[in-house]
Amino acid sequence: MMRAAILFLLLAALPMQAAAQSPQIPSFWDARERIERPQVTDLPRIRFLTTVDFAPFNFLDANNQLTGFNVDLARDICRQLSLDAVCQIQALPWDELVPALENGDGEAIIAGLAPTAELREDLAFTRPYLKFPARFVAARSASLAEPLHRSVAGKRIGVVAGSAHEALLRAHFADAIPVPFSRADWMLRDLKAGRIDAAFADGLRIANWLAGDEPEDCCALVGGPYLAPDHLGQGLTIAVARDNADLATAFDSALREIDASGRFAELYLRYFPVSFF
């Protein structure tokens, strides 16, 4: 248990080497790695399946057009693979995504489908192209600095009751005082009012809150991003049929090149102007 806690904290601290730079752009690819790309340029078409209810990743804009981070990324993948002429993106209800893929009514799902052990029996997945870290948020006047496991000792830290973030807080910040809330918005309201010293929650949700009008510049992210796949999941991946695993490898190759070119950073800042990393 102690070894796991130390590893968790070390991994979380790595991004803080560039803490003075803003905003932080995540990258999950090794620039030295070469991914051998399978031949896919002869595909007659490639259909990405998604939904319309996962903003800002995939949703309908004011003109009723399908848009979002995932949608733009899918188009970039097609361009990177020289498949833009045969690339389609179709929205379906969530429950119809996997059956449509299995029936051959699409070639890929890009909608936040979690790569569970059960799904891996029938589907293949790319590597994660975006992950969702846990983050601390505190008043700008707070004196919380790395190492945070010492800074939060004896501090009242808000968490959503029963969440993975509460489990992480209790496991890796044992000297903090958890203050459970039944709702995240109540927790953030109490943070702004100074009734708790900090909050520990999903980084994306906190970043979206900080980008809005409600905080009135009261607060800021502190410390580094904490990635814990066993608690928080693997992140966003693209799913394909298991017998089409070469396509997932081709997507990985394209995603790595999109990251290396700076295009991923451009998309990230477009949809997440307040970085959650």
C-alpha atoms as a PDB file:
ATOM      1  CA  MET A   1       0.000   0.000   0.000  1.00  0.00           C
ATOM      2  CA  MET A   2       2.841   2.381   0.879  1.00  0.00           C
ATOM      3  CA  ARG A   3       4.600   1.642  -2.425  1.00  0.00           C
ATOM      4  CA  ALA A   4       1.398   2.354  -4.373  1.00  0.00           C
ATOM      5  CA  ALA A   5       0.903   5.634  -2.529  1.00  0.00           C
ATOM      6  CA  ILE A   6       4.473   6.757  -3.239  1.00  0.00           C
ATOM      7  CA  LEU A   7       4.153   5.843  -6.923  1.00  0.00           C
ATOM      8  CA  PHE A   8       0.854   7.711  -7.149  1.00  0.00           C
ATOM      9  CA  LEU A   9       2.381  10.863  -5.689  1.00  0.00           C
ATOM     10  CA  LEU A  10       5.524  10.683  -7.831  1.00  0.00           C
ATOM     11  CA  LEU A  11       3.540  10.319 -11.024  1.00  0.00           C
ATOM     12  CA  ALA A  12       1.328  13.226 -10.033  1.00  0.00           C
ATOM     13  CA  ALA A  13       4.281  15.476  -9.328  1.00  0.00           C
ATOM     14  CA  LEU A  14       5.950  15.077 -12.735  1.00  0.00           C
ATOM     15  CA  PRO A  15       3.861  17.694 -14.599  1.00  0.00           C
ATOM     16  CA  MET A  16       4.700  20.261 -11.935  1.00  0.00           C
ATOM     17  CA  GLN A  17       8.188  20.657 -13.394  1.00  0.00           C
ATOM     18  CA  ALA A  18       6.562  23.095 -15.807  1.00  0.00           C
ATOM     19  CA  ALA A  19       4.148  24.624 -13.307  1.00  0.00           C
ATOM     20  CA  ALA A  20       5.161  28.164 -14.207  1.00  0.00           C
ATOM     21  CA  GLN A  21       4.071  27.624 -17.801  1.00  0.00           C
ATOM     22  CA  SER A  22       0.421  28.174 -18.584  1.00  0.00           C
ATOM     23  CA  PRO A  23      -1.687  26.571 -19.787  1.00  0.00           C
ATOM     24  CA  GLN A  24      -0.546  22.988 -19.385  1.00  0.00           C
ATOM     25  CA  ILE A  25      -1.118  20.781 -22.452  1.00  0.00           C
ATOM     26  CA  PRO A  26      -1.255  17.044 -21.682  1.00  0.00           C
ATOM     27  CA  SER A  27       0.546  14.539 -23.888  1.00  0.00           C
ATOM     28  CA  PHE A  28       0.270  10.774 -23.621  1.00  0.00           C
ATOM     29  CA  TRP A  29       2.670   9.795 -26.398  1.00  0.00           C
ATOM     30  CA  ASP A  30       6.373   9.012 -26.393  1.00  0.00           C
ATOM     31  CA  ALA A  31       7.985  11.152 -29.091  1.00  0.00           C
ATOM     32  CA  ARG A  32      10.707   8.514 -29.512  1.00  0.00           C
ATOM     33  CA  GLU A  33       8.271   5.694 -30.237  1.00  0.00           C
ATOM     34  CA  ARG A  34       7.550   4.610 -33.791  1.00  0.00           C
ATOM     35  CA  ILE A  35       4.125   3.093 -34.412  1.00  0.00           C
ATOM     36  CA  GLU A  36       4.072   0.983 -37.557  1.00  0.00           C
ATOM     37  CA  ARG A  37       0.973   2.060 -39.451  1.00  0.00           C
ATOM     38  CA  PRO A  38      -1.083  -0.692 -41.143  1.00  0.00           C
ATOM     39  CA  GLN A  39      -2.288  -0.082 -44.694  1.00  0.00           C
ATOM     40  CA  VAL A  40      -5.732   1.543 -44.478  1.00  0.00           C
ATOM     41  CA  THR A  41      -5.757   3.970 -47.407  1.00  0.00           C
ATOM     42  CA  ASP A  42      -7.787   1.525 -49.532  1.00  0.00           C
ATOM     43  CA  LEU A  43     -10.771   1.562 -47.162  1.00  0.00           C
ATOM     44  CA  PRO A  44     -13.981   2.389 -49.082  1.00  0.00           C
ATOM     45  CA  ARG A  45     -15.223   4.464 -46.145  1.00  0.00           C
ATOM     46  CA  ILE A  46     -14.643   5.075 -42.461  1.00  0.00           C
ATOM     47  CA  ARG A  47     -17.594   5.944 -40.247  1.00  0.00           C
ATOM     48  CA  PHE A  48     -17.052   7.326 -36.770  1.00  0.00           C
ATOM     49  CA  LEU A  49     -20.033   6.819 -34.469  1.00  0.00           C
ATOM     50  CA  THR A  50     -20.676   9.226 -31.617  1.00  0.00           C
ATOM     51  CA  THR A  51     -23.492  10.871 -29.645  1.00  0.00           C
ATOM     52  CA  VAL A  52     -24.859  14.404 -29.268  1.00  0.00           C
ATOM     53  CA  ASP A  53     -24.975  14.581 -25.453  1.00  0.00           C
ATOM     54  CA  PHE A  54     -21.350  14.701 -24.298  1.00  0.00           C
ATOM     55  CA  ALA A  55     -20.363  18.365 -24.517  1.00  0.00           C
ATOM     56  CA  PRO A  56     -17.767  19.652 -25.164  1.00  0.00           C
ATOM     57  CA  PHE A  57     -16.652  16.381 -26.760  1.00  0.00           C
ATOM     58  CA  ASN A  58     -19.595  15.678 -29.072  1.00  0.00           C
ATOM     59  CA  PHE A  59     -22.746  17.812 -29.229  1.00  0.00           C
ATOM     60  CA  LEU A  60     -24.992  19.856 -31.527  1.00  0.00           C
ATOM     61  CA  ASP A  61     -24.057  23.523 -31.895  1.00  0.00           C
ATOM     62  CA  ALA A  62     -26.432  26.483 -32.290  1.00  0.00           C
ATOM     63  CA  ASN A  63     -26.866  25.592 -35.977  1.00  0.00           C
ATOM     64  CA  ASN A  64     -27.735  21.982 -35.121  1.00  0.00           C
ATOM     65  CA  GLN A  65     -24.400  20.820 -36.522  1.00  0.00           C
ATOM     66  CA  LEU A  66     -22.469  17.978 -34.905  1.00  0.00           C
ATOM     67  CA  THR A  67     -19.314  19.399 -33.352  1.00  0.00           C
ATOM     68  CA  GLY A  68     -16.946  19.025 -30.395  1.00  0.00           C
ATOM     69  CA  PHE A  69     -13.456  17.938 -29.448  1.00  0.00           C
ATOM     70  CA  ASN A  70     -14.032  14.303 -30.479  1.00  0.00           C
ATOM     71  CA  VAL A  71     -15.640  15.313 -33.761  1.00  0.00           C
ATOM     72  CA  ASP A  72     -12.768  17.586 -34.744  1.00  0.00           C
ATOM     73  CA  LEU A  73     -10.251  14.973 -33.649  1.00  0.00           C
ATOM     74  CA  ALA A  74     -11.955  12.303 -35.785  1.00  0.00           C
ATOM     75  CA  ARG A  75     -11.714  14.589 -38.818  1.00  0.00           C
ATOM     76  CA  ASP A  76      -8.026  15.190 -38.102  1.00  0.00           C
ATOM     77  CA  ILE A  77      -7.439  11.436 -37.868  1.00  0.00           C
ATOM     78  CA  CYS A  78      -9.048  10.970 -41.266  1.00  0.00           C
ATOM     79  CA  ARG A  79      -6.849  13.674 -42.772  1.00  0.00           C
ATOM     80  CA  GLN A  80      -3.744  12.183 -41.167  1.00  0.00           C
ATOM     81  CA  LEU A  81      -4.587   8.789 -42.669  1.00  0.00           C
ATOM     82  CA  SER A  82      -5.453  10.319 -46.095  1.00  0.00           C
ATOM     83  CA  LEU A  83      -9.028   9.112 -45.654  1.00  0.00           C
ATOM     84  CA  ASP A  84     -10.800  12.484 -45.437  1.00  0.00           C
ATOM     85  CA  ALA A  85     -12.582  11.861 -48.756  1.00  0.00           C
ATOM     86  CA  VAL A  86     -14.316   8.764 -47.346  1.00  0.00           C
ATOM     87  CA  CYS A  87     -14.669   9.935 -43.730  1.00  0.00           C
ATOM     88  CA  GLN A  88     -18.110  10.172 -42.106  1.00  0.00           C
ATOM     89  CA  ILE A  89     -19.217  11.042 -38.583  1.00  0.00           C
ATOM     90  CA  GLN A  90     -22.648   9.872 -37.486  1.00  0.00           C
ATOM     91  CA  ALA A  91     -24.486  10.490 -34.214  1.00  0.00           C
ATOM     92  CA  LEU A  92     -26.576   7.747 -32.602  1.00  0.00           C
ATOM     93  CA  PRO A  93     -28.182   7.207 -29.191  1.00  0.00           C
ATOM     94  CA  TRP A  94     -25.644   5.853 -26.696  1.00  0.00           C
ATOM     95  CA  ASP A  95     -27.280   2.411 -26.439  1.00  0.00           C
ATOM     96  CA  GLU A  96     -27.049   1.928 -30.207  1.00  0.00           C
ATOM     97  CA  LEU A  97     -23.319   2.603 -30.595  1.00  0.00           C
ATOM     98  CA  VAL A  98     -21.908  -0.857 -29.860  1.00  0.00           C
ATOM     99  CA  PRO A  99     -24.634  -2.777 -31.742  1.00  0.00           C
ATOM    100  CA  ALA A 100     -24.113  -0.524 -34.773  1.00  0.00           C
ATOM    101  CA  LEU A 101     -20.372  -1.212 -34.717  1.00  0.00           C
ATOM    102  CA  GLU A 102     -20.898  -4.951 -34.309  1.00  0.00           C
ATOM    103  CA  ASN A 103     -23.420  -4.958 -37.183  1.00  0.00           C
ATOM    104  CA  GLY A 104     -20.978  -3.227 -39.514  1.00  0.00           C
ATOM    105  CA  ASP A 105     -22.891   0.056 -39.550  1.00  0.00           C
ATOM    106  CA  GLY A 106     -19.751   1.922 -38.514  1.00  0.00           C
ATOM    107  CA  GLU A 107     -16.020   1.392 -38.235  1.00  0.00           C
ATOM    108  CA  ALA A 108     -15.212   3.246 -35.006  1.00  0.00           C
ATOM    109  CA  ILE A 109     -16.802   4.671 -31.851  1.00  0.00           C
ATOM    110  CA  ILE A 110     -15.465   7.974 -30.536  1.00  0.00           C
ATOM    111  CA  ALA A 111     -17.836   8.841 -27.715  1.00  0.00           C
ATOM    112  CA  GLY A 112     -16.146   8.153 -24.375  1.00  0.00           C
ATOM    113  CA  LEU A 113     -16.830   4.405 -24.372  1.00  0.00           C
ATOM    114  CA  ALA A 114     -14.847   2.890 -21.490  1.00  0.00           C
ATOM    115  CA  PRO A 115     -12.628  -0.080 -22.481  1.00  0.00           C
ATOM    116  CA  THR A 116     -13.948  -2.590 -19.943  1.00  0.00           C
ATOM    117  CA  ALA A 117     -12.812  -6.217 -19.815  1.00  0.00           C
ATOM    118  CA  GLU A 118     -16.243  -7.278 -21.063  1.00  0.00           C
ATOM    119  CA  LEU A 119     -16.139  -4.957 -24.080  1.00  0.00           C
ATOM    120  CA  ARG A 120     -12.594  -6.044 -24.928  1.00  0.00           C
ATOM    121  CA  GLU A 121     -13.973  -9.498 -25.724  1.00  0.00           C
ATOM    122  CA  ASP A 122     -15.613  -8.048 -28.838  1.00  0.00           C
ATOM    123  CA  LEU A 123     -13.903  -4.697 -29.422  1.00  0.00           C
ATOM    124  CA  ALA A 124     -10.379  -3.366 -29.793  1.00  0.00           C
ATOM    125  CA  PHE A 125      -9.372   0.035 -28.438  1.00  0.00           C
ATOM    126  CA  THR A 126      -6.753   2.647 -29.181  1.00  0.00           C
ATOM    127  CA  ARG A 127      -4.477   3.944 -26.494  1.00  0.00           C
ATOM    128  CA  PRO A 128      -5.961   6.787 -24.428  1.00  0.00           C
ATOM    129  CA  TYR A 129      -5.740  10.152 -26.170  1.00  0.00           C
ATOM    130  CA  LEU A 130      -7.063  12.126 -23.173  1.00  0.00           C
ATOM    131  CA  LYS A 131      -7.293  11.321 -19.483  1.00  0.00           C
ATOM    132  CA  PHE A 132      -9.221  12.906 -16.633  1.00  0.00           C
ATOM    133  CA  PRO A 133      -7.086  13.665 -13.580  1.00  0.00           C
ATOM    134  CA  ALA A 134      -8.164  14.452 -10.055  1.00  0.00           C
ATOM    135  CA  ARG A 135      -7.181  17.979  -8.959  1.00  0.00           C
ATOM    136  CA  PHE A 136      -7.131  20.100  -5.849  1.00  0.00           C
ATOM    137  CA  VAL A 137      -8.718  23.548  -6.012  1.00  0.00           C
ATOM    138  CA  ALA A 138      -8.318  26.147  -3.277  1.00  0.00           C
ATOM    139  CA  ALA A 139      -8.723  29.856  -2.597  1.00  0.00           C
ATOM    140  CA  ARG A 140      -6.060  31.978  -4.274  1.00  0.00           C
ATOM    141  CA  SER A 141      -4.993  33.133  -0.820  1.00  0.00           C
ATOM    142  CA  ALA A 142      -4.405  29.569   0.386  1.00  0.00           C
ATOM    143  CA  SER A 143      -0.842  28.506   1.110  1.00  0.00           C
ATOM    144  CA  LEU A 144      -1.021  25.037  -0.409  1.00  0.00           C
ATOM    145  CA  ALA A 145       2.141  23.985  -2.215  1.00  0.00           C
ATOM    146  CA  GLU A 146       3.931  20.795  -3.167  1.00  0.00           C
ATOM    147  CA  PRO A 147       4.284  18.325  -1.623  1.00  0.00           C
ATOM    148  CA  LEU A 148       0.525  18.502  -1.202  1.00  0.00           C
ATOM    149  CA  HIS A 149       0.282  15.410   0.983  1.00  0.00           C
ATOM    150  CA  ARG A 150       1.986  17.576   3.614  1.00  0.00           C
ATOM    151  CA  SER A 151       0.237  20.854   2.776  1.00  0.00           C
ATOM    152  CA  VAL A 152      -3.260  19.376   3.158  1.00  0.00           C
ATOM    153  CA  ALA A 153      -2.497  17.684   6.478  1.00  0.00           C
ATOM    154  CA  GLY A 154      -5.103  18.858   8.974  1.00  0.00           C
ATOM    155  CA  LYS A 155      -6.974  20.796   6.264  1.00  0.00           C
ATOM    156  CA  ARG A 156     -10.695  20.409   5.563  1.00  0.00           C
ATOM    157  CA  ILE A 157     -10.906  19.032   2.022  1.00  0.00           C
ATOM    158  CA  GLY A 158     -14.253  18.787   0.263  1.00  0.00           C
ATOM    159  CA  VAL A 159     -15.035  15.680  -1.786  1.00  0.00           C
ATOM    160  CA  VAL A 160     -18.174  14.205  -3.301  1.00  0.00           C
ATOM    161  CA  ALA A 161     -19.375  11.478  -0.959  1.00  0.00           C
ATOM    162  CA  GLY A 162     -18.870   7.946  -2.248  1.00  0.00           C
ATOM    163  CA  SER A 163     -16.886   9.075  -5.291  1.00  0.00           C
ATOM    164  CA  ALA A 164     -13.590   7.737  -6.608  1.00  0.00           C
ATOM    165  CA  HIS A 165     -12.082  11.056  -5.552  1.00  0.00           C
ATOM    166  CA  GLU A 166     -13.082  10.484  -1.950  1.00  0.00           C
ATOM    167  CA  ALA A 167     -11.416   7.063  -2.086  1.00  0.00           C
ATOM    168  CA  LEU A 168      -8.252   8.610  -3.540  1.00  0.00           C
ATOM    169  CA  LEU A 169      -8.172  11.358  -0.941  1.00  0.00           C
ATOM    170  CA  ARG A 170      -8.523   8.926   1.921  1.00  0.00           C
ATOM    171  CA  ALA A 171      -5.929   6.529   0.467  1.00  0.00           C
ATOM    172  CA  HIS A 172      -3.209   8.972  -0.553  1.00  0.00           C
ATOM    173  CA  PHE A 173      -3.778  12.022   1.668  1.00  0.00           C
ATOM    174  CA  ALA A 174      -4.462  10.270   4.941  1.00  0.00           C
ATOM    175  CA  ASP A 175      -3.687  13.329   7.085  1.00  0.00           C
ATOM    176  CA  ALA A 176      -6.280  15.514   5.347  1.00  0.00           C
ATOM    177  CA  ILE A 177      -9.751  15.886   6.863  1.00  0.00           C
ATOM    178  CA  PRO A 178     -12.329  14.775   4.262  1.00  0.00           C
ATOM    179  CA  VAL A 179     -15.553  16.781   4.191  1.00  0.00           C
ATOM    180  CA  PRO A 180     -18.054  14.765   2.102  1.00  0.00           C
ATOM    181  CA  PHE A 181     -20.745  16.535   0.052  1.00  0.00           C
ATOM    182  CA  SER A 182     -23.706  14.962  -1.681  1.00  0.00           C
ATOM    183  CA  ARG A 183     -23.356  17.408  -4.602  1.00  0.00           C
ATOM    184  CA  ALA A 184     -20.299  18.887  -6.283  1.00  0.00           C
ATOM    185  CA  ASP A 185     -21.903  22.309  -6.736  1.00  0.00           C
ATOM    186  CA  TRP A 186     -22.539  22.551  -2.987  1.00  0.00           C
ATOM    187  CA  MET A 187     -18.910  21.635  -2.362  1.00  0.00           C
ATOM    188  CA  LEU A 188     -17.640  24.355  -4.706  1.00  0.00           C
ATOM    189  CA  ARG A 189     -20.052  26.883  -3.188  1.00  0.00           C
ATOM    190  CA  ASP A 190     -18.622  26.153   0.277  1.00  0.00           C
ATOM    191  CA  LEU A 191     -15.103  26.445  -1.094  1.00  0.00           C
ATOM    192  CA  LYS A 192     -15.842  29.902  -2.436  1.00  0.00           C
ATOM    193  CA  ALA A 193     -17.398  30.873   0.915  1.00  0.00           C
ATOM    194  CA  GLY A 194     -14.312  29.704   2.801  1.00  0.00           C
ATOM    195  CA  ARG A 195     -16.090  26.965   4.729  1.00  0.00           C
ATOM    196  CA  ILE A 196     -13.560  24.374   3.524  1.00  0.00           C
ATOM    197  CA  ASP A 197      -9.847  24.785   2.814  1.00  0.00           C
ATOM    198  CA  ALA A 198      -9.835  23.062  -0.584  1.00  0.00           C
ATOM    199  CA  ALA A 199     -11.747  20.601  -2.732  1.00  0.00           C
ATOM    200  CA  PHE A 200     -10.565  17.423  -4.479  1.00  0.00           C
ATOM    201  CA  ALA A 201     -12.525  16.423  -7.558  1.00  0.00           C
ATOM    202  CA  ASP A 202     -12.537  15.790 -11.297  1.00  0.00           C
ATOM    203  CA  GLY A 203     -10.126  18.228 -12.935  1.00  0.00           C
ATOM    204  CA  LEU A 204     -12.358  18.856 -15.939  1.00  0.00           C
ATOM    205  CA  ARG A 205     -15.357  19.769 -13.781  1.00  0.00           C
ATOM    206  CA  ILE A 206     -13.225  22.100 -11.663  1.00  0.00           C
ATOM    207  CA  ALA A 207     -11.691  23.754 -14.742  1.00  0.00           C
ATOM    208  CA  ASN A 208     -15.153  24.348 -16.224  1.00  0.00           C
ATOM    209  CA  TRP A 209     -16.270  25.901 -12.922  1.00  0.00           C
ATOM    210  CA  LEU A 210     -13.208  28.155 -12.798  1.00  0.00           C
ATOM    211  CA  ALA A 211     -13.888  29.277 -16.376  1.00  0.00           C
ATOM    212  CA  GLY A 212     -17.395  30.453 -15.463  1.00  0.00           C
ATOM    213  CA  ASP A 213     -18.668  33.525 -13.644  1.00  0.00           C
ATOM    214  CA  GLU A 214     -19.629  31.854 -10.358  1.00  0.00           C
ATOM    215  CA  PRO A 215     -16.144  31.636  -8.744  1.00  0.00           C
ATOM    216  CA  GLU A 216     -15.482  35.362  -9.315  1.00  0.00           C
ATOM    217  CA  ASP A 217     -11.756  34.564  -9.445  1.00  0.00           C
ATOM    218  CA  CYS A 218     -11.832  33.241  -5.886  1.00  0.00           C
ATOM    219  CA  CYS A 219      -9.946  30.070  -6.512  1.00  0.00           C
ATOM    220  CA  ALA A 220      -7.345  28.231  -8.559  1.00  0.00           C
ATOM    221  CA  LEU A 221      -6.014  24.750  -9.181  1.00  0.00           C
ATOM    222  CA  VAL A 222      -3.164  23.824  -6.853  1.00  0.00           C
ATOM    223  CA  GLY A 223      -0.660  21.008  -7.089  1.00  0.00           C
ATOM    224  CA  GLY A 224      -0.382  18.643  -9.991  1.00  0.00           C
ATOM    225  CA  PRO A 225      -2.821  16.402 -11.852  1.00  0.00           C
ATOM    226  CA  TYR A 226      -3.374  12.993 -10.228  1.00  0.00           C
ATOM    227  CA  LEU A 227      -3.898  10.098 -12.614  1.00  0.00           C
ATOM    228  CA  ALA A 228      -5.143   6.872 -11.055  1.00  0.00           C
ATOM    229  CA  PRO A 229      -6.526   4.518 -13.743  1.00  0.00           C
ATOM    230  CA  ASP A 230      -7.756   1.938 -11.235  1.00  0.00           C
ATOM    231  CA  HIS A 231     -10.057   4.578  -9.722  1.00  0.00           C
ATOM    232  CA  LEU A 232     -10.621   7.111 -12.509  1.00  0.00           C
ATOM    233  CA  GLY A 233     -10.582   4.902 -15.594  1.00  0.00           C
ATOM    234  CA  GLN A 234      -8.247   4.687 -18.574  1.00  0.00           C
ATOM    235  CA  GLY A 235      -9.418   7.878 -20.260  1.00  0.00           C
ATOM    236  CA  LEU A 236     -10.826   8.489 -23.724  1.00  0.00           C
ATOM    237  CA  THR A 237     -10.143   5.895 -26.408  1.00  0.00           C
ATOM    238  CA  ILE A 238     -11.541   4.935 -29.807  1.00  0.00           C
ATOM    239  CA  ALA A 239     -13.223   1.546 -30.194  1.00  0.00           C
ATOM    240  CA  VAL A 240     -13.267  -0.648 -33.302  1.00  0.00           C
ATOM    241  CA  ALA A 241     -14.468  -4.180 -33.982  1.00  0.00           C
ATOM    242  CA  ARG A 242     -12.025  -6.745 -32.600  1.00  0.00           C
ATOM    243  CA  ASP A 243     -11.435  -8.252 -36.056  1.00  0.00           C
ATOM    244  CA  ASN A 244     -10.493  -4.763 -37.254  1.00  0.00           C
ATOM    245  CA  ALA A 245      -7.719  -4.202 -34.702  1.00  0.00           C
ATOM    246  CA  ASP A 246      -5.333  -2.931 -37.389  1.00  0.00           C
ATOM    247  CA  LEU A 247      -7.553   0.133 -37.676  1.00  0.00           C
ATOM    248  CA  ALA A 248      -7.009   0.892 -33.979  1.00  0.00           C
ATOM    249  CA  THR A 249      -3.242   0.706 -34.566  1.00  0.00           C
ATOM    250  CA  ALA A 250      -3.598   3.082 -37.536  1.00  0.00           C
ATOM    251  CA  PHE A 251      -5.552   5.463 -35.294  1.00  0.00           C
ATOM    252  CA  ASP A 252      -2.777   5.280 -32.680  1.00  0.00           C
ATOM    253  CA  SER A 253      -0.241   6.208 -35.340  1.00  0.00           C
ATOM    254  CA  ALA A 254      -2.372   9.141 -36.478  1.00  0.00           C
ATOM    255  CA  LEU A 255      -3.030  10.313 -32.909  1.00  0.00           C
ATOM    256  CA  ARG A 256       0.677  10.311 -32.121  1.00  0.00           C
ATOM    257  CA  GLU A 257       1.417  12.406 -35.224  1.00  0.00           C
ATOM    258  CA  ILE A 258      -1.434  14.805 -34.422  1.00  0.00           C
ATOM    259  CA  ASP A 259       0.071  15.255 -30.970  1.00  0.00           C
ATOM    260  CA  ALA A 260       3.606  15.772 -32.338  1.00  0.00           C
ATOM    261  CA  SER A 261       2.401  18.346 -34.885  1.00  0.00           C
ATOM    262  CA  GLY A 262       0.818  20.571 -32.234  1.00  0.00           C
ATOM    263  CA  ARG A 263      -2.671  20.038 -33.602  1.00  0.00           C
ATOM    264  CA  PHE A 264      -3.786  18.205 -30.436  1.00  0.00           C
ATOM    265  CA  ALA A 265      -2.698  21.206 -28.349  1.00  0.00           C
ATOM    266  CA  GLU A 266      -4.706  23.490 -30.638  1.00  0.00           C
ATOM    267  CA  LEU A 267      -7.852  21.410 -30.204  1.00  0.00           C
ATOM    268  CA  TYR A 268      -7.310  21.103 -26.456  1.00  0.00           C
ATOM    269  CA  LEU A 269      -7.064  24.860 -25.976  1.00  0.00           C
ATOM    270  CA  ARG A 270     -10.061  25.480 -28.228  1.00  0.00           C
ATOM    271  CA  TYR A 271     -12.357  23.346 -26.111  1.00  0.00           C
ATOM    272  CA  PHE A 272     -10.618  23.632 -22.711  1.00  0.00           C
ATOM    273  CA  PRO A 273      -9.301  27.191 -22.379  1.00  0.00           C
ATOM    274  CA  VAL A 274      -8.779  26.552 -18.661  1.00  0.00           C
ATOM    275  CA  SER A 275      -6.552  23.487 -18.700  1.00  0.00           C
ATOM    276  CA  PHE A 276      -7.443  20.725 -16.258  1.00  0.00           C
ATOM    277  CA  PHE A 277      -3.801  19.532 -16.276  1.00  0.00           C
END
